[in-house]
C-alpha atoms as a PDB file:
ATOM      1  CA  MET A   1     155.722  26.922  60.540  1.00  0.00           C
ATOM      2  CA  LYS A   2     158.682  26.828  58.475  1.00  0.00           C
ATOM      3  CA  THR A   3     161.622  28.226  57.191  1.00  0.00           C
ATOM      4  CA  GLU A   4     163.434  27.030  53.561  1.00  0.00           C
ATOM      5  CA  HIS A   5     163.195  23.502  55.049  1.00  0.00           C
ATOM      6  CA  VAL A   6     163.828  23.730  58.092  1.00  0.00           C
ATOM      7  CA  LYS A   7     160.009  23.163  60.276  1.00  0.00           C
ATOM      8  CA  ILE A   8     159.057  22.969  64.565  1.00  0.00           C
ATOM      9  CA  VAL A   9     156.148  20.840  64.936  1.00  0.00           C
ATOM     10  CA  GLU A  10     154.535  20.503  68.171  1.00  0.00           C
ATOM     11  CA  LEU A  11     155.200  17.462  69.875  1.00  0.00           C
ATOM     12  CA  ASN A  12     152.930  14.776  69.201  1.00  0.00           C
ATOM     13  CA  ALA A  13     152.373  10.954  68.756  1.00  0.00           C
ATOM     14  CA  ASP A  14     154.233  10.948  65.674  1.00  0.00           C
ATOM     15  CA  ASN A  15     157.195  12.806  66.524  1.00  0.00           C
ATOM     16  CA  TRP A  16     157.679  11.892  70.994  1.00  0.00           C
ATOM     17  CA  TYR A  17     159.927   9.441  70.068  1.00  0.00           C
ATOM     18  CA  ASP A  18     162.399  10.124  67.095  1.00  0.00           C
ATOM     19  CA  CYS A  19     163.225  12.699  69.670  1.00  0.00           C
ATOM     20  CA  CYS A  20     164.416  11.318  72.469  1.00  0.00           C
ATOM     21  CA  GLU A  21     166.809   9.261  70.535  1.00  0.00           C
ATOM     22  CA  LEU A  22     168.236  12.942  69.129  1.00  0.00           C
ATOM     23  CA  GLU A  23     171.874  13.480  71.043  1.00  0.00           C
ATOM     24  CA  VAL A  24     173.968  16.059  70.595  1.00  0.00           C
ATOM     25  CA  ALA A  25     177.837  16.144  70.288  1.00  0.00           C
ATOM     26  CA  GLU A  26     179.563  14.501  72.556  1.00  0.00           C
ATOM     27  CA  GLU A  27     181.268  17.411  74.472  1.00  0.00           C
ATOM     28  CA  GLN A  28     178.023  19.262  74.393  1.00  0.00           C
ATOM     29  CA  THR A  29     176.653  16.400  76.547  1.00  0.00           C
ATOM     30  CA  PRO A  30     177.715  18.073  80.150  1.00  0.00           C
ATOM     31  CA  TYR A  31     175.339  21.182  79.409  1.00  0.00           C
ATOM     32  CA  MET A  32     172.018  18.956  77.988  1.00  0.00           C
ATOM     33  CA  GLU A  33     169.117  17.195  79.841  1.00  0.00           C
ATOM     34  CA  PRO A  34     168.589  13.768  77.539  1.00  0.00           C
ATOM     35  CA  ASN A  35     165.147  15.116  75.577  1.00  0.00           C
ATOM     36  CA  ALA A  36     163.424  12.010  77.098  1.00  0.00           C
ATOM     37  CA  VAL A  37     163.957  14.132  80.541  1.00  0.00           C
ATOM     38  CA  SER A  38     162.416  17.384  78.902  1.00  0.00           C
ATOM     39  CA  ILE A  39     159.498  15.629  77.664  1.00  0.00           C
ATOM     40  CA  ALA A  40     158.238  14.158  80.918  1.00  0.00           C
ATOM     41  CA  GLN A  41     159.360  17.772  82.697  1.00  0.00           C
ATOM     42  CA  SER A  42     156.393  19.426  80.094  1.00  0.00           C
ATOM     43  CA  LYS A  43     154.088  16.890  81.239  1.00  0.00           C
ATOM     44  CA  PHE A  44     154.022  17.419  84.380  1.00  0.00           C
ATOM     45  CA  GLU A  45     154.220  21.063  83.411  1.00  0.00           C
ATOM     46  CA  PRO A  46     151.298  21.690  80.876  1.00  0.00           C
ATOM     47  CA  SER A  47     152.904  25.673  80.637  1.00  0.00           C
ATOM     48  CA  LEU A  48     156.002  24.175  78.718  1.00  0.00           C
ATOM     49  CA  LYS A  49     155.848  23.567  74.734  1.00  0.00           C
ATOM     50  CA  PRO A  50     158.105  21.007  73.197  1.00  0.00           C
ATOM     51  CA  TYR A  51     157.987  21.022  70.068  1.00  0.00           C
ATOM     52  CA  ALA A  52     160.374  19.083  67.148  1.00  0.00           C
ATOM     53  CA  ILE A  53     162.922  20.232  65.207  1.00  0.00           C
ATOM     54  CA  TYR A  54     161.672  18.443  61.390  1.00  0.00           C
ATOM     55  CA  SER A  55     164.792  19.162  58.344  1.00  0.00           C
ATOM     56  CA  GLY A  56     162.450  18.217  55.446  1.00  0.00           C
ATOM     57  CA  ASP A  57     160.235  14.908  56.735  1.00  0.00           C
ATOM     58  CA  GLN A  58     162.567  13.845  59.109  1.00  0.00           C
ATOM     59  CA  VAL A  59     163.049  15.058  63.142  1.00  0.00           C
ATOM     60  CA  VAL A  60     166.508  16.451  63.877  1.00  0.00           C
ATOM     61  CA  GLY A  61     166.152  18.013  66.682  1.00  0.00           C
ATOM     62  CA  PHE A  62     164.039  19.525  69.962  1.00  0.00           C
ATOM     63  CA  LEU A  63     162.970  22.723  71.300  1.00  0.00           C
ATOM     64  CA  MET A  64     160.592  23.608  74.597  1.00  0.00           C
ATOM     65  CA  PHE A  65     159.987  27.145  76.236  1.00  0.00           C
ATOM     66  CA  ASN A  66     157.322  27.630  78.122  1.00  0.00           C
ATOM     67  CA  SER A  67     154.498  29.900  77.173  1.00  0.00           C
ATOM     68  CA  VAL A  68     154.187  32.307  80.396  1.00  0.00           C
ATOM     69  CA  PRO A  69     156.559  34.712  81.565  1.00  0.00           C
ATOM     70  CA  GLU A  70     159.140  33.599  84.821  1.00  0.00           C
ATOM     71  CA  GLU A  71     162.297  35.702  86.097  1.00  0.00           C
ATOM     72  CA  LEU A  72     163.485  38.580  84.388  1.00  0.00           C
ATOM     73  CA  ASP A  73     159.546  39.280  82.654  1.00  0.00           C
ATOM     74  CA  GLY A  74     160.198  37.404  79.993  1.00  0.00           C
ATOM     75  CA  TYR A  75     159.527  33.934  78.462  1.00  0.00           C
ATOM     76  CA  TRP A  76     161.952  31.357  78.393  1.00  0.00           C
ATOM     77  CA  VAL A  77     163.417  28.887  76.358  1.00  0.00           C
ATOM     78  CA  TYR A  78     163.952  25.653  78.798  1.00  0.00           C
ATOM     79  CA  ARG A  79     165.963  23.305  75.622  1.00  0.00           C
ATOM     80  CA  ILE A  80     167.052  23.549  72.041  1.00  0.00           C
ATOM     81  CA  MET A  81     169.282  20.854  70.577  1.00  0.00           C
ATOM     82  CA  VAL A  82     170.069  19.472  67.016  1.00  0.00           C
ATOM     83  CA  ASP A  83     170.813  16.207  67.098  1.00  0.00           C
ATOM     84  CA  LYS A  84     175.130  16.096  66.259  1.00  0.00           C
ATOM     85  CA  ALA A  85     174.819  14.649  62.675  1.00  0.00           C
ATOM     86  CA  PHE A  86     172.822  17.350  61.530  1.00  0.00           C
ATOM     87  CA  GLN A  87     174.599  20.108  63.653  1.00  0.00           C
ATOM     88  CA  GLY A  88     176.707  23.304  61.799  1.00  0.00           C
ATOM     89  CA  GLN A  89     174.515  23.154  58.983  1.00  0.00           C
ATOM     90  CA  GLY A  90     172.175  26.189  60.339  1.00  0.00           C
ATOM     91  CA  ILE A  91     168.743  24.315  61.681  1.00  0.00           C
ATOM     92  CA  GLY A  92     169.611  25.778  65.190  1.00  0.00           C
ATOM     93  CA  LYS A  93     169.298  29.285  64.188  1.00  0.00           C
ATOM     94  CA  ALA A  94     166.741  27.920  61.851  1.00  0.00           C
ATOM     95  CA  ALA A  95     164.547  26.712  64.179  1.00  0.00           C
ATOM     96  CA  THR A  96     165.490  29.775  66.687  1.00  0.00           C
ATOM     97  CA  LYS A  97     163.900  31.881  64.802  1.00  0.00           C
ATOM     98  CA  LEU A  98     161.032  29.959  64.383  1.00  0.00           C
ATOM     99  CA  MET A  99     160.438  29.491  67.773  1.00  0.00           C
ATOM    100  CA  VAL A 100     160.721  33.139  68.050  1.00  0.00           C
ATOM    101  CA  ALA A 101     158.185  34.287  65.956  1.00  0.00           C
ATOM    102  CA  GLU A 102     155.755  31.606  67.251  1.00  0.00           C
ATOM    103  CA  MET A 103     156.390  32.807  71.347  1.00  0.00           C
ATOM    104  CA  ALA A 104     155.962  36.594  69.604  1.00  0.00           C
ATOM    105  CA  LYS A 105     152.859  35.572  68.140  1.00  0.00           C
ATOM    106  CA  SER A 106     151.094  32.799  69.791  1.00  0.00           C
ATOM    107  CA  TRP A 107     151.728  34.860  73.892  1.00  0.00           C
ATOM    108  CA  SER A 108     152.483  37.832  72.868  1.00  0.00           C
ATOM    109  CA  ALA A 109     156.015  37.642  73.974  1.00  0.00           C
ATOM    110  CA  LYS A 110     158.058  40.599  74.469  1.00  0.00           C
ATOM    111  CA  LYS A 111     161.211  39.286  76.085  1.00  0.00           C
ATOM    112  CA  ILE A 112     162.329  36.060  75.464  1.00  0.00           C
ATOM    113  CA  VAL A 113     165.350  35.176  78.065  1.00  0.00           C
ATOM    114  CA  VAL A 114     167.374  31.853  77.631  1.00  0.00           C
ATOM    115  CA  GLY A 115     169.904  30.045  80.202  1.00  0.00           C
ATOM    116  CA  TYR A 116     173.229  28.270  79.460  1.00  0.00           C
ATOM    117  CA  HIS A 117     176.407  27.763  81.518  1.00  0.00           C
ATOM    118  CA  PRO A 118     179.353  29.975  79.943  1.00  0.00           C
ATOM    119  CA  ASP A 119     181.587  27.539  79.077  1.00  0.00           C
ATOM    120  CA  ASN A 120     178.591  26.583  76.286  1.00  0.00           C
ATOM    121  CA  LEU A 121     180.274  28.180  73.016  1.00  0.00           C
ATOM    122  CA  THR A 122     178.022  26.679  70.929  1.00  0.00           C
ATOM    123  CA  ALA A 123     174.895  27.860  72.449  1.00  0.00           C
ATOM    124  CA  HIS A 124     176.649  31.491  73.063  1.00  0.00           C
ATOM    125  CA  LYS A 125     177.033  32.295  69.117  1.00  0.00           C
ATOM    126  CA  LEU A 126     173.953  31.188  68.839  1.00  0.00           C
ATOM    127  CA  TYR A 127     171.977  33.672  70.739  1.00  0.00           C
ATOM    128  CA  ALA A 128     174.577  36.070  70.222  1.00  0.00           C
ATOM    129  CA  SER A 129     173.964  35.665  66.563  1.00  0.00           C
ATOM    130  CA  LEU A 130     170.353  36.247  67.122  1.00  0.00           C
ATOM    131  CA  GLY A 131     169.932  39.185  68.690  1.00  0.00           C
ATOM    132  CA  PHE A 132     170.229  38.146  72.551  1.00  0.00           C
ATOM    133  CA  GLU A 133     172.506  40.112  74.985  1.00  0.00           C
ATOM    134  CA  ASP A 134     174.337  39.631  78.006  1.00  0.00           C
ATOM    135  CA  HIS A 135     173.172  42.413  80.863  1.00  0.00           C
ATOM    136  CA  GLY A 136     174.865  39.952  84.165  1.00  0.00           C
ATOM    137  CA  ASP A 137     171.770  38.076  85.422  1.00  0.00           C
ATOM    138  CA  ARG A 138     173.364  34.810  86.395  1.00  0.00           C
ATOM    139  CA  PHE A 139     171.140  31.575  87.551  1.00  0.00           C
ATOM    140  CA  GLY A 140     173.165  29.040  89.505  1.00  0.00           C
ATOM    141  CA  LYS A 141     175.957  27.905  86.710  1.00  0.00           C
ATOM    142  CA  GLU A 142     174.268  29.356  84.405  1.00  0.00           C
ATOM    143  CA  MET A 143     174.042  32.930  82.589  1.00  0.00           C
ATOM    144  CA  ALA A 144     171.125  34.578  81.335  1.00  0.00           C
ATOM    145  CA  VAL A 145     170.871  36.284  77.845  1.00  0.00           C
ATOM    146  CA  VAL A 146     168.139  38.089  76.773  1.00  0.00           C
ATOM    147  CA  LYS A 147     165.945  38.982  73.416  1.00  0.00           C
ATOM    148  CA  GLN A 148     164.086  42.125  73.380  1.00  0.00           C
ATOM    149  CA  LEU A 149     161.302  41.803  70.313  1.00  0.00           C
ATOM    150  CA  ILE A 150     159.048  44.858  71.665  1.00  0.00           C
ATOM    151  CA  ASP A 151     160.760  47.964  73.996  1.00  0.00           C
END
């Protein structure tokens, strides 16, 4: 699956280590677990689906979502990140669109939910631009925003 030069590919033997080496910008580190932790989590929670984000032939990001509904009766996005060297190029937005399409197609998701720290302004701008709405749902220190795919 790809949009222009961006594509998402299921994590595999060829791209998992590249994902582990990716880093977010320093100001984003308080909001994001290392990709290696997410990859390990996916091995113990098989409903979690990890993907590498590519720009052309290069791994530039990582995302992971749950393939079963959870709180708020939605499919949750667990991680989405783009390496600090590739931020600001629209890659995160393109990858998120691809992820939403994949979730709708492969798992018939009707509602997608993502949680993030309210101070993470980059995440807030991204999700708001893609139609995720804040209905006041909070889980611990995170806010949850929702994208309704089908009414």
